[in-house]
Amino acid sequence: MMRCREAIDVLADYLESTLTPEVLEQLELHLRDCAPCRAYLATYKRAAELAAKVNRVEMPPAMRQRLRDFLSGPGSGTSQ
């Protein structure tokens, strides 16, 4: 029997329909009997739907360069 932690670990694959038939069956059996995991799945689905709707904003080139400069500056862990 699948445990809650295992169910949570495969939810992304479940939503992408990439689970093996065996794991899919185990997850569906678990979800049938586990109200907390069903609630978690509903929340997970909603979050995925909202994330898909978020507009990607392109960073202006000057800001991107400043960020690169900052990240490669002193203390960044890169050798200079």
PDB file of N, CA and C in Angstrom:
ATOM      1  N   MET A   1       0.844  -1.189   0.000  1.00  0.00           N
ATOM      2  CA  MET A   1       0.000   0.000   0.000  1.00  0.00           C
ATOM      3  C   MET A   1       0.885   1.247   0.000  1.00  0.00           C
ATOM      4  N   MET A   2       0.566   2.186  -0.827  1.00  0.00           N
ATOM      5  CA  MET A   2       1.322   3.430  -0.933  1.00  0.00           C
ATOM      6  C   MET A   2       1.055   4.303   0.290  1.00  0.00           C
ATOM      7  N   ARG A   3       2.117   4.936   0.787  1.00  0.00           N
ATOM      8  CA  ARG A   3       2.008   5.859   1.916  1.00  0.00           C
ATOM      9  C   ARG A   3       1.825   7.281   1.384  1.00  0.00           C
ATOM     10  N   CYS A   4       1.402   8.174   2.258  1.00  0.00           N
ATOM     11  CA  CYS A   4       1.156   9.569   1.868  1.00  0.00           C
ATOM     12  C   CYS A   4       2.399  10.209   1.258  1.00  0.00           C
ATOM     13  N   ARG A   5       3.549  10.016   1.864  1.00  0.00           N
ATOM     14  CA  ARG A   5       4.787  10.626   1.358  1.00  0.00           C
ATOM     15  C   ARG A   5       5.069  10.156  -0.067  1.00  0.00           C
ATOM     16  N   GLU A   6       4.862   8.875  -0.319  1.00  0.00           N
ATOM     17  CA  GLU A   6       5.078   8.330  -1.664  1.00  0.00           C
ATOM     18  C   GLU A   6       4.074   8.922  -2.646  1.00  0.00           C
ATOM     19  N   ALA A   7       2.840   9.082  -2.200  1.00  0.00           N
ATOM     20  CA  ALA A   7       1.805   9.662  -3.062  1.00  0.00           C
ATOM     21  C   ALA A   7       2.171  11.090  -3.444  1.00  0.00           C
ATOM     22  N   ILE A   8       2.594  11.866  -2.475  1.00  0.00           N
ATOM     23  CA  ILE A   8       2.968  13.258  -2.740  1.00  0.00           C
ATOM     24  C   ILE A   8       4.144  13.324  -3.707  1.00  0.00           C
ATOM     25  N   ASP A   9       5.080  12.393  -3.569  1.00  0.00           N
ATOM     26  CA  ASP A   9       6.267  12.385  -4.430  1.00  0.00           C
ATOM     27  C   ASP A   9       5.943  12.132  -5.900  1.00  0.00           C
ATOM     28  N   VAL A  10       4.809  11.507  -6.196  1.00  0.00           N
ATOM     29  CA  VAL A  10       4.493  11.180  -7.596  1.00  0.00           C
ATOM     30  C   VAL A  10       3.373  12.037  -8.182  1.00  0.00           C
ATOM     31  N   LEU A  11       2.914  13.044  -7.450  1.00  0.00           N
ATOM     32  CA  LEU A  11       1.790  13.847  -7.949  1.00  0.00           C
ATOM     33  C   LEU A  11       2.104  14.586  -9.242  1.00  0.00           C
ATOM     34  N   ALA A  12       3.302  15.124  -9.380  1.00  0.00           N
ATOM     35  CA  ALA A  12       3.647  15.837 -10.617  1.00  0.00           C
ATOM     36  C   ALA A  12       3.568  14.887 -11.804  1.00  0.00           C
ATOM     37  N   ASP A  13       4.110  13.690 -11.640  1.00  0.00           N
ATOM     38  CA  ASP A  13       4.039  12.699 -12.718  1.00  0.00           C
ATOM     39  C   ASP A  13       2.592  12.280 -12.981  1.00  0.00           C
ATOM     40  N   TYR A  14       1.798  12.215 -11.939  1.00  0.00           N
ATOM     41  CA  TYR A  14       0.380  11.879 -12.095  1.00  0.00           C
ATOM     42  C   TYR A  14      -0.328  12.925 -12.953  1.00  0.00           C
ATOM     43  N   LEU A  15      -0.092  14.193 -12.649  1.00  0.00           N
ATOM     44  CA  LEU A  15      -0.742  15.261 -13.410  1.00  0.00           C
ATOM     45  C   LEU A  15      -0.233  15.331 -14.848  1.00  0.00           C
ATOM     46  N   GLU A  16       0.990  14.867 -15.080  1.00  0.00           N
ATOM     47  CA  GLU A  16       1.555  14.849 -16.428  1.00  0.00           C
ATOM     48  C   GLU A  16       1.272  13.533 -17.148  1.00  0.00           C
ATOM     49  N   SER A  17       0.553  12.635 -16.488  1.00  0.00           N
ATOM     50  CA  SER A  17       0.194  11.320 -17.047  1.00  0.00           C
ATOM     51  C   SER A  17       1.421  10.520 -17.464  1.00  0.00           C
ATOM     52  N   THR A  18       2.445  10.518 -16.611  1.00  0.00           N
ATOM     53  CA  THR A  18       3.663   9.780 -16.938  1.00  0.00           C
ATOM     54  C   THR A  18       3.960   8.651 -15.949  1.00  0.00           C
ATOM     55  N   LEU A  19       3.004   8.319 -15.105  1.00  0.00           N
ATOM     56  CA  LEU A  19       3.213   7.222 -14.161  1.00  0.00           C
ATOM     57  C   LEU A  19       3.092   5.882 -14.868  1.00  0.00           C
ATOM     58  N   THR A  20       3.820   4.911 -14.367  1.00  0.00           N
ATOM     59  CA  THR A  20       3.648   3.551 -14.872  1.00  0.00           C
ATOM     60  C   THR A  20       2.263   3.069 -14.444  1.00  0.00           C
ATOM     61  N   PRO A  21       1.709   2.105 -15.149  1.00  0.00           N
ATOM     62  CA  PRO A  21       0.381   1.603 -14.763  1.00  0.00           C
ATOM     63  C   PRO A  21       0.336   1.100 -13.317  1.00  0.00           C
ATOM     64  N   GLU A  22       1.416   0.477 -12.863  1.00  0.00           N
ATOM     65  CA  GLU A  22       1.444  -0.055 -11.497  1.00  0.00           C
ATOM     66  C   GLU A  22       1.397   1.068 -10.462  1.00  0.00           C
ATOM     67  N   VAL A  23       2.213   2.100 -10.671  1.00  0.00           N
ATOM     68  CA  VAL A  23       2.243   3.216  -9.722  1.00  0.00           C
ATOM     69  C   VAL A  23       0.926   3.988  -9.782  1.00  0.00           C
ATOM     70  N   LEU A  24       0.381   4.146 -10.977  1.00  0.00           N
ATOM     71  CA  LEU A  24      -0.908   4.822 -11.134  1.00  0.00           C
ATOM     72  C   LEU A  24      -1.989   4.101 -10.338  1.00  0.00           C
ATOM     73  N   GLU A  25      -2.018   2.789 -10.434  1.00  0.00           N
ATOM     74  CA  GLU A  25      -3.017   2.017  -9.694  1.00  0.00           C
ATOM     75  C   GLU A  25      -2.830   2.185  -8.189  1.00  0.00           C
ATOM     76  N   GLN A  26      -1.571   2.129  -7.727  1.00  0.00           N
ATOM     77  CA  GLN A  26      -1.299   2.304  -6.298  1.00  0.00           C
ATOM     78  C   GLN A  26      -1.733   3.688  -5.826  1.00  0.00           C
ATOM     79  N   LEU A  27      -1.428   4.714  -6.623  1.00  0.00           N
ATOM     80  CA  LEU A  27      -1.806   6.074  -6.240  1.00  0.00           C
ATOM     81  C   LEU A  27      -3.318   6.228  -6.195  1.00  0.00           C
ATOM     82  N   GLU A  28      -4.003   5.728  -7.202  1.00  0.00           N
ATOM     83  CA  GLU A  28      -5.464   5.859  -7.224  1.00  0.00           C
ATOM     84  C   GLU A  28      -6.111   5.129  -6.057  1.00  0.00           C
ATOM     85  N   LEU A  29      -5.573   3.974  -5.689  1.00  0.00           N
ATOM     86  CA  LEU A  29      -6.082   3.267  -4.510  1.00  0.00           C
ATOM     87  C   LEU A  29      -5.837   4.088  -3.249  1.00  0.00           C
ATOM     88  N   HIS A  30      -4.662   4.666  -3.153  1.00  0.00           N
ATOM     89  CA  HIS A  30      -4.343   5.494  -1.988  1.00  0.00           C
ATOM     90  C   HIS A  30      -5.274   6.702  -1.919  1.00  0.00           C
ATOM     91  N   LEU A  31      -5.447   7.381  -3.044  1.00  0.00           N
ATOM     92  CA  LEU A  31      -6.301   8.576  -3.062  1.00  0.00           C
ATOM     93  C   LEU A  31      -7.747   8.243  -2.709  1.00  0.00           C
ATOM     94  N   ARG A  32      -8.192   7.071  -3.097  1.00  0.00           N
ATOM     95  CA  ARG A  32      -9.566   6.662  -2.791  1.00  0.00           C
ATOM     96  C   ARG A  32      -9.806   6.625  -1.286  1.00  0.00           C
ATOM     97  N   ASP A  33      -8.773   6.209  -0.540  1.00  0.00           N
ATOM     98  CA  ASP A  33      -8.932   6.019   0.901  1.00  0.00           C
ATOM     99  C   ASP A  33      -8.330   7.129   1.759  1.00  0.00           C
ATOM    100  N   CYS A  34      -7.690   8.124   1.149  1.00  0.00           N
ATOM    101  CA  CYS A  34      -6.961   9.125   1.939  1.00  0.00           C
ATOM    102  C   CYS A  34      -7.458  10.536   1.625  1.00  0.00           C
ATOM    103  N   ALA A  35      -8.336  11.038   2.473  1.00  0.00           N
ATOM    104  CA  ALA A  35      -8.895  12.385   2.274  1.00  0.00           C
ATOM    105  C   ALA A  35      -7.820  13.474   2.306  1.00  0.00           C
ATOM    106  N   PRO A  36      -6.834  13.409   3.208  1.00  0.00           N
ATOM    107  CA  PRO A  36      -5.802  14.455   3.194  1.00  0.00           C
ATOM    108  C   PRO A  36      -5.027  14.504   1.872  1.00  0.00           C
ATOM    109  N   CYS A  37      -4.723  13.362   1.299  1.00  0.00           N
ATOM    110  CA  CYS A  37      -3.998  13.355   0.021  1.00  0.00           C
ATOM    111  C   CYS A  37      -4.888  13.832  -1.126  1.00  0.00           C
ATOM    112  N   ARG A  38      -6.177  13.541  -1.060  1.00  0.00           N
ATOM    113  CA  ARG A  38      -7.093  14.072  -2.087  1.00  0.00           C
ATOM    114  C   ARG A  38      -7.138  15.590  -2.004  1.00  0.00           C
ATOM    115  N   ALA A  39      -7.176  16.117  -0.785  1.00  0.00           N
ATOM    116  CA  ALA A  39      -7.178  17.575  -0.604  1.00  0.00           C
ATOM    117  C   ALA A  39      -5.861  18.169  -1.094  1.00  0.00           C
ATOM    118  N   TYR A  40      -4.759  17.499  -0.788  1.00  0.00           N
ATOM    119  CA  TYR A  40      -3.446  17.975  -1.243  1.00  0.00           C
ATOM    120  C   TYR A  40      -3.395  17.977  -2.768  1.00  0.00           C
ATOM    121  N   LEU A  41      -3.910  16.935  -3.390  1.00  0.00           N
ATOM    122  CA  LEU A  41      -3.938  16.857  -4.852  1.00  0.00           C
ATOM    123  C   LEU A  41      -4.758  17.995  -5.441  1.00  0.00           C
ATOM    124  N   ALA A  42      -5.897  18.293  -4.857  1.00  0.00           N
ATOM    125  CA  ALA A  42      -6.732  19.391  -5.357  1.00  0.00           C
ATOM    126  C   ALA A  42      -5.981  20.718  -5.272  1.00  0.00           C
ATOM    127  N   THR A  43      -5.288  20.939  -4.160  1.00  0.00           N
ATOM    128  CA  THR A  43      -4.499  22.162  -3.997  1.00  0.00           C
ATOM    129  C   THR A  43      -3.344  22.191  -4.990  1.00  0.00           C
ATOM    130  N   TYR A  44      -2.696  21.067  -5.176  1.00  0.00           N
ATOM    131  CA  TYR A  44      -1.567  20.947  -6.101  1.00  0.00           C
ATOM    132  C   TYR A  44      -2.023  21.245  -7.532  1.00  0.00           C
ATOM    133  N   LYS A  45      -3.177  20.685  -7.915  1.00  0.00           N
ATOM    134  CA  LYS A  45      -3.726  20.943  -9.258  1.00  0.00           C
ATOM    135  C   LYS A  45      -4.007  22.425  -9.452  1.00  0.00           C
ATOM    136  N   ARG A  46      -4.609  23.036  -8.443  1.00  0.00           N
ATOM    137  CA  ARG A  46      -4.952  24.460  -8.540  1.00  0.00           C
ATOM    138  C   ARG A  46      -3.692  25.312  -8.659  1.00  0.00           C
ATOM    139  N   ALA A  47      -2.677  24.983  -7.887  1.00  0.00           N
ATOM    140  CA  ALA A  47      -1.416  25.724  -7.964  1.00  0.00           C
ATOM    141  C   ALA A  47      -0.787  25.576  -9.344  1.00  0.00           C
ATOM    142  N   ALA A  48      -0.839  24.379  -9.903  1.00  0.00           N
ATOM    143  CA  ALA A  48      -0.286  24.153 -11.241  1.00  0.00           C
ATOM    144  C   ALA A  48      -1.063  24.951 -12.288  1.00  0.00           C
ATOM    145  N   GLU A  49      -2.380  25.000 -12.144  1.00  0.00           N
ATOM    146  CA  GLU A  49      -3.207  25.778 -13.078  1.00  0.00           C
ATOM    147  C   GLU A  49      -2.866  27.264 -12.993  1.00  0.00           C
ATOM    148  N   LEU A  50      -2.734  27.773 -11.778  1.00  0.00           N
ATOM    149  CA  LEU A  50      -2.400  29.188 -11.603  1.00  0.00           C
ATOM    150  C   LEU A  50      -1.007  29.498 -12.139  1.00  0.00           C
ATOM    151  N   ALA A  51      -0.062  28.609 -11.893  1.00  0.00           N
ATOM    152  CA  ALA A  51       1.302  28.825 -12.380  1.00  0.00           C
ATOM    153  C   ALA A  51       1.333  28.855 -13.905  1.00  0.00           C
ATOM    154  N   ALA A  52       0.506  28.054 -14.539  1.00  0.00           N
ATOM    155  CA  ALA A  52       0.469  28.024 -15.999  1.00  0.00           C
ATOM    156  C   ALA A  52      -0.094  29.319 -16.574  1.00  0.00           C
ATOM    157  N   LYS A  53      -0.883  30.031 -15.782  1.00  0.00           N
ATOM    158  CA  LYS A  53      -1.505  31.268 -16.255  1.00  0.00           C
ATOM    159  C   LYS A  53      -0.646  32.506 -16.026  1.00  0.00           C
ATOM    160  N   VAL A  54       0.398  32.360 -15.229  1.00  0.00           N
ATOM    161  CA  VAL A  54       1.245  33.508 -14.917  1.00  0.00           C
ATOM    162  C   VAL A  54       1.963  33.957 -16.179  1.00  0.00           C
ATOM    163  N   ASN A  55       1.903  35.242 -16.431  1.00  0.00           N
ATOM    164  CA  ASN A  55       2.596  35.785 -17.593  1.00  0.00           C
ATOM    165  C   ASN A  55       4.081  35.894 -17.293  1.00  0.00           C
ATOM    166  N   ARG A  56       4.861  35.430 -18.223  1.00  0.00           N
ATOM    167  CA  ARG A  56       6.306  35.556 -18.078  1.00  0.00           C
ATOM    168  C   ARG A  56       6.701  36.954 -18.527  1.00  0.00           C
ATOM    169  N   VAL A  57       7.448  37.629 -17.685  1.00  0.00           N
ATOM    170  CA  VAL A  57       7.881  38.989 -17.986  1.00  0.00           C
ATOM    171  C   VAL A  57       9.358  38.944 -18.351  1.00  0.00           C
ATOM    172  N   GLU A  58       9.684  39.501 -19.484  1.00  0.00           N
ATOM    173  CA  GLU A  58      11.072  39.542 -19.935  1.00  0.00           C
ATOM    174  C   GLU A  58      11.819  40.637 -19.187  1.00  0.00           C
ATOM    175  N   MET A  59      12.982  40.274 -18.668  1.00  0.00           N
ATOM    176  CA  MET A  59      13.808  41.241 -17.954  1.00  0.00           C
ATOM    177  C   MET A  59      14.503  42.148 -18.973  1.00  0.00           C
ATOM    178  N   PRO A  60      14.464  43.458 -18.758  1.00  0.00           N
ATOM    179  CA  PRO A  60      15.154  44.371 -19.673  1.00  0.00           C
ATOM    180  C   PRO A  60      16.648  44.035 -19.735  1.00  0.00           C
ATOM    181  N   PRO A  61      17.271  44.177 -20.915  1.00  0.00           N
ATOM    182  CA  PRO A  61      18.690  43.819 -21.069  1.00  0.00           C
ATOM    183  C   PRO A  61      19.613  44.510 -20.066  1.00  0.00           C
ATOM    184  N   ALA A  62      19.399  45.783 -19.783  1.00  0.00           N
ATOM    185  CA  ALA A  62      20.268  46.491 -18.835  1.00  0.00           C
ATOM    186  C   ALA A  62      20.161  45.886 -17.437  1.00  0.00           C
ATOM    187  N   MET A  63      18.961  45.534 -17.025  1.00  0.00           N
ATOM    188  CA  MET A  63      18.767  44.929 -15.711  1.00  0.00           C
ATOM    189  C   MET A  63      19.413  43.544 -15.675  1.00  0.00           C
ATOM    190  N   ARG A  64      19.266  42.792 -16.749  1.00  0.00           N
ATOM    191  CA  ARG A  64      19.872  41.463 -16.831  1.00  0.00           C
ATOM    192  C   ARG A  64      21.398  41.566 -16.688  1.00  0.00           C
ATOM    193  N   GLN A  65      22.003  42.559 -17.351  1.00  0.00           N
ATOM    194  CA  GLN A  65      23.452  42.742 -17.264  1.00  0.00           C
ATOM    195  C   GLN A  65      23.869  43.136 -15.853  1.00  0.00           C
ATOM    196  N   ARG A  66      23.102  43.999 -15.201  1.00  0.00           N
ATOM    197  CA  ARG A  66      23.418  44.380 -13.820  1.00  0.00           C
ATOM    198  C   ARG A  66      23.346  43.167 -12.894  1.00  0.00           C
ATOM    199  N   LEU A  67      22.365  42.324 -13.125  1.00  0.00           N
ATOM    200  CA  LEU A  67      22.239  41.114 -12.321  1.00  0.00           C
ATOM    201  C   LEU A  67      23.435  40.196 -12.550  1.00  0.00           C
ATOM    202  N   ARG A  68      23.820  40.006 -13.803  1.00  0.00           N
ATOM    203  CA  ARG A  68      25.004  39.186 -14.099  1.00  0.00           C
ATOM    204  C   ARG A  68      26.247  39.755 -13.420  1.00  0.00           C
ATOM    205  N   ASP A  69      26.422  41.070 -13.519  1.00  0.00           N
ATOM    206  CA  ASP A  69      27.577  41.717 -12.889  1.00  0.00           C
ATOM    207  C   ASP A  69      27.564  41.497 -11.378  1.00  0.00           C
ATOM    208  N   PHE A  70      26.396  41.646 -10.785  1.00  0.00           N
ATOM    209  CA  PHE A  70      26.265  41.461  -9.346  1.00  0.00           C
ATOM    210  C   PHE A  70      26.601  40.023  -8.951  1.00  0.00           C
ATOM    211  N   LEU A  71      26.055  39.066  -9.697  1.00  0.00           N
ATOM    212  CA  LEU A  71      26.260  37.656  -9.368  1.00  0.00           C
ATOM    213  C   LEU A  71      27.695  37.203  -9.594  1.00  0.00           C
ATOM    214  N   SER A  72      28.406  37.850 -10.488  1.00  0.00           N
ATOM    215  CA  SER A  72      29.793  37.447 -10.743  1.00  0.00           C
ATOM    216  C   SER A  72      30.793  38.338 -10.010  1.00  0.00           C
ATOM    217  N   GLY A  73      30.309  39.261  -9.200  1.00  0.00           N
ATOM    218  CA  GLY A  73      31.174  40.187  -8.470  1.00  0.00           C
ATOM    219  C   GLY A  73      31.846  39.553  -7.272  1.00  0.00           C
ATOM    220  N   PRO A  74      32.562  40.365  -6.495  1.00  0.00           N
ATOM    221  CA  PRO A  74      33.263  39.877  -5.297  1.00  0.00           C
ATOM    222  C   PRO A  74      32.303  39.166  -4.345  1.00  0.00           C
ATOM    223  N   GLY A  75      32.763  38.046  -3.817  1.00  0.00           N
ATOM    224  CA  GLY A  75      31.945  37.290  -2.876  1.00  0.00           C
ATOM    225  C   GLY A  75      30.940  36.369  -3.534  1.00  0.00           C
ATOM    226  N   SER A  76      30.964  36.284  -4.857  1.00  0.00           N
ATOM    227  CA  SER A  76      29.989  35.440  -5.546  1.00  0.00           C
ATOM    228  C   SER A  76      30.409  33.984  -5.588  1.00  0.00           C
ATOM    229  N   GLY A  77      31.661  33.729  -5.198  1.00  0.00           N
ATOM    230  CA  GLY A  77      32.130  32.350  -5.224  1.00  0.00           C
ATOM    231  C   GLY A  77      32.797  31.978  -6.533  1.00  0.00           C
ATOM    232  N   THR A  78      32.852  32.895  -7.482  1.00  0.00           N
ATOM    233  CA  THR A  78      33.535  32.618  -8.739  1.00  0.00           C
ATOM    234  C   THR A  78      34.939  33.170  -8.656  1.00  0.00           C
ATOM    235  N   SER A  79      35.872  32.485  -9.261  1.00  0.00           N
ATOM    236  CA  SER A  79      37.252  32.973  -9.238  1.00  0.00           C
ATOM    237  C   SER A  79      37.437  34.049 -10.283  1.00  0.00           C
ATOM    238  N   GLN A  80      38.240  35.061  -9.920  1.00  0.00           N
ATOM    239  CA  GLN A  80      38.439  36.171 -10.849  1.00  0.00           C
ATOM    240  C   GLN A  80      39.900  36.397 -11.098  1.00  0.00           C
TER     241      GLN A  80
END
